[in-house]
Structures are given as structure tokens and as C-alpha cells.
N, C-alpha and C. Protein backbone atom coordinates (compact mmCIF):
# COMPACT_ATOMS: atom_id res chain seq x y z
N ALA A 1 -32.95 123.62 -185.25
CA ALA A 1 -33.84 124.09 -184.21
C ALA A 1 -33.50 123.36 -182.91
N ILE A 2 -33.72 124.04 -181.83
CA ILE A 2 -33.53 123.43 -180.51
C ILE A 2 -34.88 123.44 -179.80
N VAL A 3 -35.26 122.27 -179.32
CA VAL A 3 -36.51 122.11 -178.58
C VAL A 3 -36.14 121.68 -177.17
N THR A 4 -36.68 122.35 -176.15
CA THR A 4 -36.39 121.97 -174.77
C THR A 4 -37.64 121.41 -174.11
N PHE A 5 -37.41 120.50 -173.18
CA PHE A 5 -38.48 119.83 -172.45
C PHE A 5 -38.17 119.87 -170.97
N ASP A 6 -39.17 120.11 -170.17
CA ASP A 6 -39.05 120.07 -168.71
C ASP A 6 -40.13 119.11 -168.22
N LEU A 7 -39.72 118.04 -167.55
CA LEU A 7 -40.69 117.05 -167.08
C LEU A 7 -41.49 117.59 -165.90
N ASN A 8 -42.77 117.39 -165.94
CA ASN A 8 -43.64 117.79 -164.83
C ASN A 8 -43.68 116.69 -163.78
N ASN A 9 -43.77 117.09 -162.54
CA ASN A 9 -44.01 116.19 -161.41
C ASN A 9 -42.86 115.24 -161.07
N LEU A 10 -41.65 115.49 -161.56
CA LEU A 10 -40.53 114.61 -161.21
C LEU A 10 -40.24 114.70 -159.71
N LYS A 11 -40.23 115.90 -159.15
CA LYS A 11 -39.99 116.04 -157.72
C LYS A 11 -41.06 115.31 -156.92
N TYR A 12 -42.31 115.41 -157.35
CA TYR A 12 -43.39 114.70 -156.68
C TYR A 12 -43.14 113.19 -156.69
N CYS A 13 -42.74 112.66 -157.85
CA CYS A 13 -42.45 111.22 -157.94
C CYS A 13 -41.35 110.84 -156.96
N ASN A 14 -40.26 111.59 -156.98
CA ASN A 14 -39.14 111.27 -156.09
C ASN A 14 -39.53 111.36 -154.62
N ASP A 15 -40.26 112.40 -154.25
CA ASP A 15 -40.60 112.63 -152.84
C ASP A 15 -41.68 111.69 -152.32
N ASN A 16 -42.65 111.33 -153.16
CA ASN A 16 -43.81 110.58 -152.68
C ASN A 16 -43.86 109.12 -153.12
N ILE A 17 -43.23 108.81 -154.21
CA ILE A 17 -43.28 107.43 -154.71
C ILE A 17 -41.92 106.75 -154.57
N GLY A 18 -40.85 107.55 -154.66
CA GLY A 18 -39.50 107.02 -154.50
C GLY A 18 -38.63 107.32 -155.71
N HIS A 19 -37.33 107.28 -155.47
CA HIS A 19 -36.39 107.62 -156.53
C HIS A 19 -36.39 106.58 -157.66
N ALA A 20 -36.72 105.35 -157.36
CA ALA A 20 -36.80 104.34 -158.43
C ALA A 20 -37.91 104.72 -159.41
N ALA A 21 -39.03 105.22 -158.90
CA ALA A 21 -40.12 105.67 -159.77
C ALA A 21 -39.69 106.89 -160.57
N GLY A 22 -38.98 107.81 -159.93
CA GLY A 22 -38.47 108.99 -160.64
C GLY A 22 -37.51 108.61 -161.74
N ASP A 23 -36.62 107.64 -161.45
CA ASP A 23 -35.68 107.17 -162.47
C ASP A 23 -36.43 106.53 -163.65
N ALA A 24 -37.46 105.74 -163.34
CA ALA A 24 -38.25 105.10 -164.40
C ALA A 24 -38.96 106.16 -165.25
N TYR A 25 -39.43 107.22 -164.61
CA TYR A 25 -40.09 108.33 -165.31
C TYR A 25 -39.12 109.01 -166.27
N ILE A 26 -37.89 109.25 -165.80
CA ILE A 26 -36.87 109.86 -166.66
C ILE A 26 -36.53 108.95 -167.82
N GLU A 27 -36.33 107.66 -167.55
CA GLU A 27 -35.99 106.71 -168.61
C GLU A 27 -37.09 106.60 -169.66
N ALA A 28 -38.34 106.52 -169.22
CA ALA A 28 -39.47 106.42 -170.16
C ALA A 28 -39.60 107.70 -170.98
N SER A 29 -39.39 108.84 -170.34
CA SER A 29 -39.47 110.11 -171.06
C SER A 29 -38.36 110.23 -172.09
N ALA A 30 -37.15 109.84 -171.72
CA ALA A 30 -36.02 109.89 -172.64
C ALA A 30 -36.26 108.98 -173.84
N LYS A 31 -36.80 107.80 -173.59
CA LYS A 31 -37.10 106.87 -174.68
C LYS A 31 -38.11 107.48 -175.65
N LEU A 32 -39.15 108.08 -175.12
CA LEU A 32 -40.18 108.70 -175.96
C LEU A 32 -39.60 109.86 -176.77
N ILE A 33 -38.79 110.70 -176.14
CA ILE A 33 -38.17 111.82 -176.85
C ILE A 33 -37.28 111.31 -177.97
N ARG A 34 -36.48 110.26 -177.70
CA ARG A 34 -35.63 109.67 -178.74
C ARG A 34 -36.45 109.11 -179.88
N GLU A 35 -37.56 108.43 -179.57
CA GLU A 35 -38.41 107.86 -180.61
C GLU A 35 -39.00 108.94 -181.51
N ILE A 36 -39.38 110.05 -180.94
CA ILE A 36 -40.00 111.13 -181.72
C ILE A 36 -38.96 111.92 -182.51
N PHE A 37 -37.87 112.31 -181.86
CA PHE A 37 -36.92 113.24 -182.47
C PHE A 37 -35.60 112.61 -182.90
N GLY A 38 -35.29 111.41 -182.45
CA GLY A 38 -33.96 110.83 -182.66
C GLY A 38 -33.53 110.69 -184.10
N LYS A 39 -34.44 110.35 -184.99
CA LYS A 39 -34.04 110.18 -186.39
C LYS A 39 -33.90 111.52 -187.12
N TYR A 40 -34.29 112.61 -186.47
CA TYR A 40 -34.20 113.93 -187.07
C TYR A 40 -33.09 114.78 -186.47
N GLY A 41 -32.42 114.27 -185.46
CA GLY A 41 -31.37 115.03 -184.81
C GLY A 41 -30.84 114.30 -183.59
N LYS A 42 -30.38 115.05 -182.63
CA LYS A 42 -29.80 114.49 -181.40
C LYS A 42 -30.61 114.94 -180.20
N CYS A 43 -30.71 114.06 -179.21
CA CYS A 43 -31.45 114.34 -177.99
C CYS A 43 -30.50 114.24 -176.80
N TYR A 44 -30.67 115.13 -175.83
CA TYR A 44 -29.79 115.19 -174.68
C TYR A 44 -30.57 115.45 -173.40
N ARG A 45 -30.09 114.89 -172.31
CA ARG A 45 -30.58 115.28 -170.99
C ARG A 45 -29.65 116.38 -170.52
N ILE A 46 -30.20 117.54 -170.20
CA ILE A 46 -29.36 118.70 -169.88
C ILE A 46 -29.46 119.10 -168.41
N GLY A 47 -30.31 118.44 -167.66
CA GLY A 47 -30.46 118.74 -166.25
C GLY A 47 -31.25 117.64 -165.58
N GLY A 48 -31.56 117.82 -164.33
CA GLY A 48 -32.29 116.80 -163.58
C GLY A 48 -33.55 116.34 -164.26
N ASP A 49 -34.37 117.30 -164.70
CA ASP A 49 -35.63 116.94 -165.36
C ASP A 49 -35.79 117.67 -166.68
N GLU A 50 -34.66 118.08 -167.27
CA GLU A 50 -34.69 118.84 -168.51
C GLU A 50 -33.99 118.08 -169.63
N PHE A 51 -34.60 118.14 -170.80
CA PHE A 51 -34.06 117.51 -172.00
C PHE A 51 -34.08 118.53 -173.13
N CYS A 52 -33.27 118.29 -174.16
CA CYS A 52 -33.38 119.09 -175.36
C CYS A 52 -33.15 118.20 -176.57
N ALA A 53 -33.68 118.63 -177.69
CA ALA A 53 -33.47 117.96 -178.97
C ALA A 53 -32.95 119.01 -179.94
N ILE A 54 -31.88 118.68 -180.63
CA ILE A 54 -31.35 119.54 -181.68
C ILE A 54 -31.74 118.88 -182.99
N ILE A 55 -32.59 119.56 -183.74
CA ILE A 55 -33.21 118.96 -184.92
C ILE A 55 -32.71 119.65 -186.18
N ARG A 56 -32.31 118.83 -187.16
CA ARG A 56 -31.91 119.35 -188.46
C ARG A 56 -33.15 119.80 -189.22
N LYS A 57 -32.94 120.64 -190.19
CA LYS A 57 -34.05 121.08 -191.04
C LYS A 57 -34.62 119.86 -191.77
N ASN A 58 -35.93 119.70 -191.72
CA ASN A 58 -36.57 118.58 -192.40
C ASN A 58 -38.04 118.91 -192.64
N LYS A 59 -38.66 118.15 -193.52
CA LYS A 59 -40.05 118.42 -193.89
C LYS A 59 -41.03 118.01 -192.81
N ARG A 60 -40.71 117.02 -192.02
CA ARG A 60 -41.67 116.53 -191.02
C ARG A 60 -42.03 117.62 -190.01
N PHE A 61 -41.04 118.35 -189.54
CA PHE A 61 -41.29 119.36 -188.52
C PHE A 61 -41.43 120.76 -189.10
N ASN A 62 -41.24 120.93 -190.41
CA ASN A 62 -41.43 122.21 -191.09
C ASN A 62 -40.72 123.33 -190.35
N ILE A 63 -39.45 123.11 -190.09
CA ILE A 63 -38.65 124.07 -189.33
C ILE A 63 -38.15 125.18 -190.24
N GLU A 64 -38.33 126.41 -189.79
CA GLU A 64 -37.84 127.57 -190.52
C GLU A 64 -37.11 128.49 -189.57
N LYS A 65 -36.35 129.43 -190.12
CA LYS A 65 -35.65 130.41 -189.28
C LYS A 65 -36.64 131.33 -188.62
């Protein structure tokens, strides 16, 4: 299964708080995604604020065709 994620408010962080805050937001989000899905598959950043996880079939997520 492929799960995609799009971070909300990244542009707002960059424009109003600064790029360092935006970078921290991306890093924290990536860490959380890896913690949740990493042992069940692979996680990737596929765009500025987009991530995906490719998950193998397993009982935890009850993935079916």
C-alpha cells in the first residue's frame, strides 16, 4: 500500500515564522512518519511538503487489495 501525506501550513511557517521553523516542521514530521510506518515499510519525502510511505502487507494496518 502507498500512503501519501501533505503537510498543512508549511508555507505559512516559512513566510511568517521563517525557513528555520519550516525546516524544523519538516524534520519533526518526517521523524513521526518514520516512527509510525518505518518498521512496516519505507518512507520518503517526495516534494516540498509531501511524503509517502510504502507499506508491506501486515496485520497492524490490515491492508488489503
